[in-house]
Amino acid sequence: MIDIIEDWHTGMQACIKMNGVRTEKFNIEVGLRQGDVLSPTLFNIYFSMVMQVMKKQLKVKFEELQKETIGVPIMLL
């Protein structure tokens, strides 16, 4: 799957239109295709993995501190 995504983005080129004149094409070395449906999907997969890692790390930290939550308790009146 990673190879397919990499192949999809390899060789991307773009040009810029300034004052009605287009520049020559140039290679895009980083980033995802703008407006591509794959871009938000990849972002969602990445963000989901970040959240899973954070959840796992917080669980370990809570167990080390023997607490259910971390932070300052706030009492509502």
PDB file of N, CA and C in Angstrom:
ATOM      1  N   MET A   1       0.824  -1.188   0.000  1.00  0.00           N
ATOM      2  CA  MET A   1       0.000   0.000   0.000  1.00  0.00           C
ATOM      3  C   MET A   1       0.870   1.255   0.000  1.00  0.00           C
ATOM      4  N   ILE A   2       1.931   1.228   0.794  1.00  0.00           N
ATOM      5  CA  ILE A   2       2.830   2.387   0.858  1.00  0.00           C
ATOM      6  C   ILE A   2       3.483   2.626  -0.503  1.00  0.00           C
ATOM      7  N   ASP A   3       3.877   1.556  -1.172  1.00  0.00           N
ATOM      8  CA  ASP A   3       4.478   1.698  -2.506  1.00  0.00           C
ATOM      9  C   ASP A   3       3.498   2.326  -3.495  1.00  0.00           C
ATOM     10  N   ILE A   4       2.237   1.946  -3.412  1.00  0.00           N
ATOM     11  CA  ILE A   4       1.226   2.509  -4.312  1.00  0.00           C
ATOM     12  C   ILE A   4       1.072   4.007  -4.057  1.00  0.00           C
ATOM     13  N   ILE A   5       0.992   4.387  -2.782  1.00  0.00           N
ATOM     14  CA  ILE A   5       0.857   5.803  -2.439  1.00  0.00           C
ATOM     15  C   ILE A   5       2.092   6.579  -2.883  1.00  0.00           C
ATOM     16  N   GLU A   6       3.263   5.994  -2.662  1.00  0.00           N
ATOM     17  CA  GLU A   6       4.504   6.657  -3.081  1.00  0.00           C
ATOM     18  C   GLU A   6       4.544   6.824  -4.597  1.00  0.00           C
ATOM     19  N   ASP A   7       4.177   5.787  -5.332  1.00  0.00           N
ATOM     20  CA  ASP A   7       4.154   5.881  -6.798  1.00  0.00           C
ATOM     21  C   ASP A   7       3.172   6.947  -7.276  1.00  0.00           C
ATOM     22  N   TRP A   8       2.033   7.072  -6.575  1.00  0.00           N
ATOM     23  CA  TRP A   8       1.025   8.061  -6.939  1.00  0.00           C
ATOM     24  C   TRP A   8       1.576   9.475  -6.836  1.00  0.00           C
ATOM     25  N   HIS A   9       2.489   9.708  -5.861  1.00  0.00           N
ATOM     26  CA  HIS A   9       3.015  11.048  -5.622  1.00  0.00           C
ATOM     27  C   HIS A   9       4.384  11.291  -6.257  1.00  0.00           C
ATOM     28  N   THR A  10       5.023  10.254  -6.761  1.00  0.00           N
ATOM     29  CA  THR A  10       6.331  10.411  -7.395  1.00  0.00           C
ATOM     30  C   THR A  10       6.168  11.116  -8.736  1.00  0.00           C
ATOM     31  N   GLY A  11       7.021  12.086  -8.986  1.00  0.00           N
ATOM     32  CA  GLY A  11       7.000  12.786 -10.260  1.00  0.00           C
ATOM     33  C   GLY A  11       5.975  13.903 -10.345  1.00  0.00           C
ATOM     34  N   MET A  12       5.447  14.338  -9.212  1.00  0.00           N
ATOM     35  CA  MET A  12       4.470  15.432  -9.242  1.00  0.00           C
ATOM     36  C   MET A  12       5.145  16.707  -9.728  1.00  0.00           C
ATOM     37  N   GLN A  13       4.430  17.444 -10.551  1.00  0.00           N
ATOM     38  CA  GLN A  13       4.926  18.715 -11.063  1.00  0.00           C
ATOM     39  C   GLN A  13       3.823  19.760 -10.946  1.00  0.00           C
ATOM     40  N   ALA A  14       4.248  21.010 -10.923  1.00  0.00           N
ATOM     41  CA  ALA A  14       3.288  22.102 -10.851  1.00  0.00           C
ATOM     42  C   ALA A  14       3.863  23.311 -11.572  1.00  0.00           C
ATOM     43  N   CYS A  15       3.002  24.264 -11.829  1.00  0.00           N
ATOM     44  CA  CYS A  15       3.442  25.548 -12.355  1.00  0.00           C
ATOM     45  C   CYS A  15       2.605  26.626 -11.668  1.00  0.00           C
ATOM     46  N   ILE A  16       3.068  27.836 -11.738  1.00  0.00           N
ATOM     47  CA  ILE A  16       2.389  28.955 -11.096  1.00  0.00           C
ATOM     48  C   ILE A  16       1.940  29.928 -12.173  1.00  0.00           C
ATOM     49  N   LYS A  17       0.744  30.448 -12.018  1.00  0.00           N
ATOM     50  CA  LYS A  17       0.222  31.429 -12.957  1.00  0.00           C
ATOM     51  C   LYS A  17       0.315  32.805 -12.312  1.00  0.00           C
ATOM     52  N   MET A  18       1.142  33.674 -12.889  1.00  0.00           N
ATOM     53  CA  MET A  18       1.315  35.040 -12.373  1.00  0.00           C
ATOM     54  C   MET A  18       1.003  36.033 -13.481  1.00  0.00           C
ATOM     55  N   ASN A  19       0.089  36.929 -13.199  1.00  0.00           N
ATOM     56  CA  ASN A  19      -0.311  37.945 -14.175  1.00  0.00           C
ATOM     57  C   ASN A  19      -0.731  37.322 -15.503  1.00  0.00           C
ATOM     58  N   GLY A  20      -1.417  36.187 -15.418  1.00  0.00           N
ATOM     59  CA  GLY A  20      -1.916  35.517 -16.606  1.00  0.00           C
ATOM     60  C   GLY A  20      -0.881  34.700 -17.361  1.00  0.00           C
ATOM     61  N   VAL A  21       0.348  34.641 -16.865  1.00  0.00           N
ATOM     62  CA  VAL A  21       1.415  33.882 -17.523  1.00  0.00           C
ATOM     63  C   VAL A  21       1.834  32.732 -16.617  1.00  0.00           C
ATOM     64  N   ARG A  22       1.916  31.539 -17.188  1.00  0.00           N
ATOM     65  CA  ARG A  22       2.321  30.365 -16.416  1.00  0.00           C
ATOM     66  C   ARG A  22       3.833  30.211 -16.425  1.00  0.00           C
ATOM     67  N   THR A  23       4.372  29.832 -15.267  1.00  0.00           N
ATOM     68  CA  THR A  23       5.809  29.552 -15.184  1.00  0.00           C
ATOM     69  C   THR A  23       6.071  28.176 -15.777  1.00  0.00           C
ATOM     70  N   GLU A  24       7.333  27.836 -15.923  1.00  0.00           N
ATOM     71  CA  GLU A  24       7.682  26.483 -16.353  1.00  0.00           C
ATOM     72  C   GLU A  24       7.355  25.520 -15.225  1.00  0.00           C
ATOM     73  N   LYS A  25       7.096  24.269 -15.584  1.00  0.00           N
ATOM     74  CA  LYS A  25       6.799  23.258 -14.576  1.00  0.00           C
ATOM     75  C   LYS A  25       8.026  23.016 -13.709  1.00  0.00           C
ATOM     76  N   PHE A  26       7.770  22.726 -12.435  1.00  0.00           N
ATOM     77  CA  PHE A  26       8.838  22.359 -11.516  1.00  0.00           C
ATOM     78  C   PHE A  26       8.382  21.154 -10.704  1.00  0.00           C
ATOM     79  N   ASN A  27       9.346  20.382 -10.213  1.00  0.00           N
ATOM     80  CA  ASN A  27       9.045  19.175  -9.444  1.00  0.00           C
ATOM     81  C   ASN A  27       8.618  19.542  -8.026  1.00  0.00           C
ATOM     82  N   ILE A  28       7.670  18.804  -7.516  1.00  0.00           N
ATOM     83  CA  ILE A  28       7.233  18.957  -6.133  1.00  0.00           C
ATOM     84  C   ILE A  28       7.887  17.829  -5.346  1.00  0.00           C
ATOM     85  N   GLU A  29       8.722  18.196  -4.392  1.00  0.00           N
ATOM     86  CA  GLU A  29       9.503  17.214  -3.647  1.00  0.00           C
ATOM     87  C   GLU A  29       8.812  16.723  -2.373  1.00  0.00           C
ATOM     88  N   VAL A  30       7.968  17.547  -1.745  1.00  0.00           N
ATOM     89  CA  VAL A  30       7.314  17.158  -0.500  1.00  0.00           C
ATOM     90  C   VAL A  30       5.838  17.510  -0.567  1.00  0.00           C
ATOM     91  N   GLY A  31       5.045  16.865   0.276  1.00  0.00           N
ATOM     92  CA  GLY A  31       3.631  17.188   0.365  1.00  0.00           C
ATOM     93  C   GLY A  31       2.758  16.245  -0.435  1.00  0.00           C
ATOM     94  N   LEU A  32       1.474  16.482  -0.329  1.00  0.00           N
ATOM     95  CA  LEU A  32       0.473  15.684  -1.025  1.00  0.00           C
ATOM     96  C   LEU A  32      -0.223  16.538  -2.066  1.00  0.00           C
ATOM     97  N   ARG A  33      -0.866  15.889  -3.003  1.00  0.00           N
ATOM     98  CA  ARG A  33      -1.608  16.605  -4.042  1.00  0.00           C
ATOM     99  C   ARG A  33      -2.769  17.361  -3.406  1.00  0.00           C
ATOM    100  N   GLN A  34      -2.865  18.633  -3.697  1.00  0.00           N
ATOM    101  CA  GLN A  34      -3.958  19.440  -3.159  1.00  0.00           C
ATOM    102  C   GLN A  34      -5.249  19.100  -3.900  1.00  0.00           C
ATOM    103  N   GLY A  35      -6.321  18.954  -3.152  1.00  0.00           N
ATOM    104  CA  GLY A  35      -7.602  18.646  -3.752  1.00  0.00           C
ATOM    105  C   GLY A  35      -7.804  17.172  -4.057  1.00  0.00           C
ATOM    106  N   ASP A  36      -6.814  16.355  -3.750  1.00  0.00           N
ATOM    107  CA  ASP A  36      -6.900  14.923  -3.999  1.00  0.00           C
ATOM    108  C   ASP A  36      -7.647  14.268  -2.847  1.00  0.00           C
ATOM    109  N   VAL A  37      -8.558  13.347  -3.131  1.00  0.00           N
ATOM    110  CA  VAL A  37      -9.311  12.677  -2.069  1.00  0.00           C
ATOM    111  C   VAL A  37      -8.417  11.826  -1.188  1.00  0.00           C
ATOM    112  N   LEU A  38      -7.245  11.464  -1.688  1.00  0.00           N
ATOM    113  CA  LEU A  38      -6.319  10.656  -0.899  1.00  0.00           C
ATOM    114  C   LEU A  38      -5.684  11.478   0.228  1.00  0.00           C
ATOM    115  N   SER A  39      -5.528  12.782   0.034  1.00  0.00           N
ATOM    116  CA  SER A  39      -4.875  13.634   1.038  1.00  0.00           C
ATOM    117  C   SER A  39      -5.583  13.612   2.387  1.00  0.00           C
ATOM    118  N   PRO A  40      -6.889  13.892   2.465  1.00  0.00           N
ATOM    119  CA  PRO A  40      -7.535  13.836   3.784  1.00  0.00           C
ATOM    120  C   PRO A  40      -7.576  12.428   4.363  1.00  0.00           C
ATOM    121  N   THR A  41      -7.646  11.427   3.500  1.00  0.00           N
ATOM    122  CA  THR A  41      -7.641  10.043   3.980  1.00  0.00           C
ATOM    123  C   THR A  41      -6.318   9.722   4.647  1.00  0.00           C
ATOM    124  N   LEU A  42      -5.207  10.101   4.009  1.00  0.00           N
ATOM    125  CA  LEU A  42      -3.892   9.873   4.598  1.00  0.00           C
ATOM    126  C   LEU A  42      -3.736  10.658   5.893  1.00  0.00           C
ATOM    127  N   PHE A  43      -4.246  11.895   5.928  1.00  0.00           N
ATOM    128  CA  PHE A  43      -4.190  12.688   7.149  1.00  0.00           C
ATOM    129  C   PHE A  43      -4.954  11.992   8.270  1.00  0.00           C
ATOM    130  N   ASN A  44      -6.147  11.491   7.973  1.00  0.00           N
ATOM    131  CA  ASN A  44      -6.950  10.808   8.988  1.00  0.00           C
ATOM    132  C   ASN A  44      -6.248   9.564   9.516  1.00  0.00           C
ATOM    133  N   ILE A  45      -5.616   8.807   8.641  1.00  0.00           N
ATOM    134  CA  ILE A  45      -4.872   7.612   9.069  1.00  0.00           C
ATOM    135  C   ILE A  45      -3.718   8.028   9.971  1.00  0.00           C
ATOM    136  N   TYR A  46      -2.963   9.037   9.559  1.00  0.00           N
ATOM    137  CA  TYR A  46      -1.823   9.517  10.338  1.00  0.00           C
ATOM    138  C   TYR A  46      -2.287  10.031  11.702  1.00  0.00           C
ATOM    139  N   PHE A  47      -3.321  10.874  11.721  1.00  0.00           N
ATOM    140  CA  PHE A  47      -3.793  11.457  12.972  1.00  0.00           C
ATOM    141  C   PHE A  47      -4.341  10.380  13.901  1.00  0.00           C
ATOM    142  N   SER A  48      -5.002   9.386  13.340  1.00  0.00           N
ATOM    143  CA  SER A  48      -5.518   8.277  14.138  1.00  0.00           C
ATOM    144  C   SER A  48      -4.373   7.536  14.826  1.00  0.00           C
ATOM    145  N   MET A  49      -3.284   7.325  14.103  1.00  0.00           N
ATOM    146  CA  MET A  49      -2.127   6.643  14.690  1.00  0.00           C
ATOM    147  C   MET A  49      -1.486   7.498  15.780  1.00  0.00           C
ATOM    148  N   VAL A  50      -1.410   8.808  15.562  1.00  0.00           N
ATOM    149  CA  VAL A  50      -0.867   9.711  16.589  1.00  0.00           C
ATOM    150  C   VAL A  50      -1.700   9.603  17.858  1.00  0.00           C
ATOM    151  N   MET A  51      -3.015   9.603  17.726  1.00  0.00           N
ATOM    152  CA  MET A  51      -3.899   9.521  18.888  1.00  0.00           C
ATOM    153  C   MET A  51      -3.743   8.188  19.611  1.00  0.00           C
ATOM    154  N   GLN A  52      -3.577   7.092  18.870  1.00  0.00           N
ATOM    155  CA  GLN A  52      -3.390   5.788  19.492  1.00  0.00           C
ATOM    156  C   GLN A  52      -2.086   5.734  20.286  1.00  0.00           C
ATOM    157  N   VAL A  53      -1.027   6.299  19.724  1.00  0.00           N
ATOM    158  CA  VAL A  53       0.266   6.329  20.422  1.00  0.00           C
ATOM    159  C   VAL A  53       0.157   7.177  21.683  1.00  0.00           C
ATOM    160  N   MET A  54      -0.467   8.341  21.579  1.00  0.00           N
ATOM    161  CA  MET A  54      -0.633   9.212  22.744  1.00  0.00           C
ATOM    162  C   MET A  54      -1.459   8.529  23.833  1.00  0.00           C
ATOM    163  N   LYS A  55      -2.531   7.852  23.434  1.00  0.00           N
ATOM    164  CA  LYS A  55      -3.384   7.162  24.398  1.00  0.00           C
ATOM    165  C   LYS A  55      -2.591   6.080  25.135  1.00  0.00           C
ATOM    166  N   LYS A  56      -1.777   5.344  24.393  1.00  0.00           N
ATOM    167  CA  LYS A  56      -0.962   4.292  24.992  1.00  0.00           C
ATOM    168  C   LYS A  56       0.076   4.880  25.948  1.00  0.00           C
ATOM    169  N   GLN A  57       0.719   5.976  25.550  1.00  0.00           N
ATOM    170  CA  GLN A  57       1.725   6.606  26.401  1.00  0.00           C
ATOM    171  C   GLN A  57       1.091   7.205  27.655  1.00  0.00           C
ATOM    172  N   LEU A  58      -0.084   7.811  27.529  1.00  0.00           N
ATOM    173  CA  LEU A  58      -0.766   8.369  28.698  1.00  0.00           C
ATOM    174  C   LEU A  58      -1.208   7.273  29.661  1.00  0.00           C
ATOM    175  N   LYS A  59      -1.652   6.157  29.131  1.00  0.00           N
ATOM    176  CA  LYS A  59      -2.067   5.043  29.986  1.00  0.00           C
ATOM    177  C   LYS A  59      -0.893   4.566  30.832  1.00  0.00           C
ATOM    178  N   VAL A  60       0.279   4.442  30.206  1.00  0.00           N
ATOM    179  CA  VAL A  60       1.483   4.028  30.936  1.00  0.00           C
ATOM    180  C   VAL A  60       1.827   5.064  31.996  1.00  0.00           C
ATOM    181  N   LYS A  61       1.747   6.350  31.638  1.00  0.00           N
ATOM    182  CA  LYS A  61       2.064   7.429  32.578  1.00  0.00           C
ATOM    183  C   LYS A  61       1.082   7.430  33.748  1.00  0.00           C
ATOM    184  N   PHE A  62      -0.214   7.253  33.488  1.00  0.00           N
ATOM    185  CA  PHE A  62      -1.212   7.202  34.555  1.00  0.00           C
ATOM    186  C   PHE A  62      -0.912   6.051  35.512  1.00  0.00           C
ATOM    187  N   GLU A  63      -0.537   4.889  34.951  1.00  0.00           N
ATOM    188  CA  GLU A  63      -0.221   3.731  35.789  1.00  0.00           C
ATOM    189  C   GLU A  63       1.011   3.992  36.647  1.00  0.00           C
ATOM    190  N   GLU A  64       2.014   4.678  36.095  1.00  0.00           N
ATOM    191  CA  GLU A  64       3.216   5.019  36.855  1.00  0.00           C
ATOM    192  C   GLU A  64       2.871   5.943  38.020  1.00  0.00           C
ATOM    193  N   LEU A  65       1.992   6.909  37.775  1.00  0.00           N
ATOM    194  CA  LEU A  65       1.621   7.878  38.803  1.00  0.00           C
ATOM    195  C   LEU A  65       0.497   7.378  39.704  1.00  0.00           C
ATOM    196  N   GLN A  66      -0.063   6.238  39.366  1.00  0.00           N
ATOM    197  CA  GLN A  66      -1.196   5.653  40.095  1.00  0.00           C
ATOM    198  C   GLN A  66      -2.347   6.654  40.208  1.00  0.00           C
ATOM    199  N   LYS A  67      -2.644   7.302  39.085  1.00  0.00           N
ATOM    200  CA  LYS A  67      -3.738   8.263  39.028  1.00  0.00           C
ATOM    201  C   LYS A  67      -4.640   7.929  37.851  1.00  0.00           C
ATOM    202  N   GLU A  68      -5.859   8.417  37.954  1.00  0.00           N
ATOM    203  CA  GLU A  68      -6.798   8.217  36.857  1.00  0.00           C
ATOM    204  C   GLU A  68      -6.726   9.370  35.858  1.00  0.00           C
ATOM    205  N   THR A  69      -6.353  10.547  36.349  1.00  0.00           N
ATOM    206  CA  THR A  69      -6.244  11.710  35.479  1.00  0.00           C
ATOM    207  C   THR A  69      -5.015  12.523  35.856  1.00  0.00           C
ATOM    208  N   ILE A  70      -4.598  13.385  34.963  1.00  0.00           N
ATOM    209  CA  ILE A  70      -3.484  14.305  35.217  1.00  0.00           C
ATOM    210  C   ILE A  70      -4.035  15.710  35.040  1.00  0.00           C
ATOM    211  N   GLY A  71      -3.644  16.622  35.907  1.00  0.00           N
ATOM    212  CA  GLY A  71      -4.099  17.988  35.762  1.00  0.00           C
ATOM    213  C   GLY A  71      -4.459  18.590  37.109  1.00  0.00           C
ATOM    214  N   VAL A  72      -5.079  19.724  37.068  1.00  0.00           N
ATOM    215  CA  VAL A  72      -5.487  20.445  38.266  1.00  0.00           C
ATOM    216  C   VAL A  72      -6.990  20.267  38.424  1.00  0.00           C
ATOM    217  N   PRO A  73      -7.434  19.734  39.570  1.00  0.00           N
ATOM    218  CA  PRO A  73      -8.890  19.581  39.748  1.00  0.00           C
ATOM    219  C   PRO A  73      -9.563  20.952  39.876  1.00  0.00           C
ATOM    220  N   ILE A  74     -10.691  21.093  39.238  1.00  0.00           N
ATOM    221  CA  ILE A  74     -11.454  22.341  39.303  1.00  0.00           C
ATOM    222  C   ILE A  74     -12.794  22.035  39.931  1.00  0.00           C
ATOM    223  N   MET A  75     -13.146  22.806  40.941  1.00  0.00           N
ATOM    224  CA  MET A  75     -14.420  22.596  41.625  1.00  0.00           C
ATOM    225  C   MET A  75     -15.438  23.597  41.096  1.00  0.00           C
ATOM    226  N   LEU A  76     -16.540  23.096  40.591  1.00  0.00           N
ATOM    227  CA  LEU A  76     -17.590  23.970  40.091  1.00  0.00           C
ATOM    228  C   LEU A  76     -18.522  24.325  41.238  1.00  0.00           C
ATOM    229  N   LEU A  77     -18.934  25.576  41.280  1.00  0.00           N
ATOM    230  CA  LEU A  77     -19.853  26.036  42.330  1.00  0.00           C
ATOM    231  C   LEU A  77     -21.279  25.889  41.902  1.00  0.00           C
TER     232      LEU A  77
END
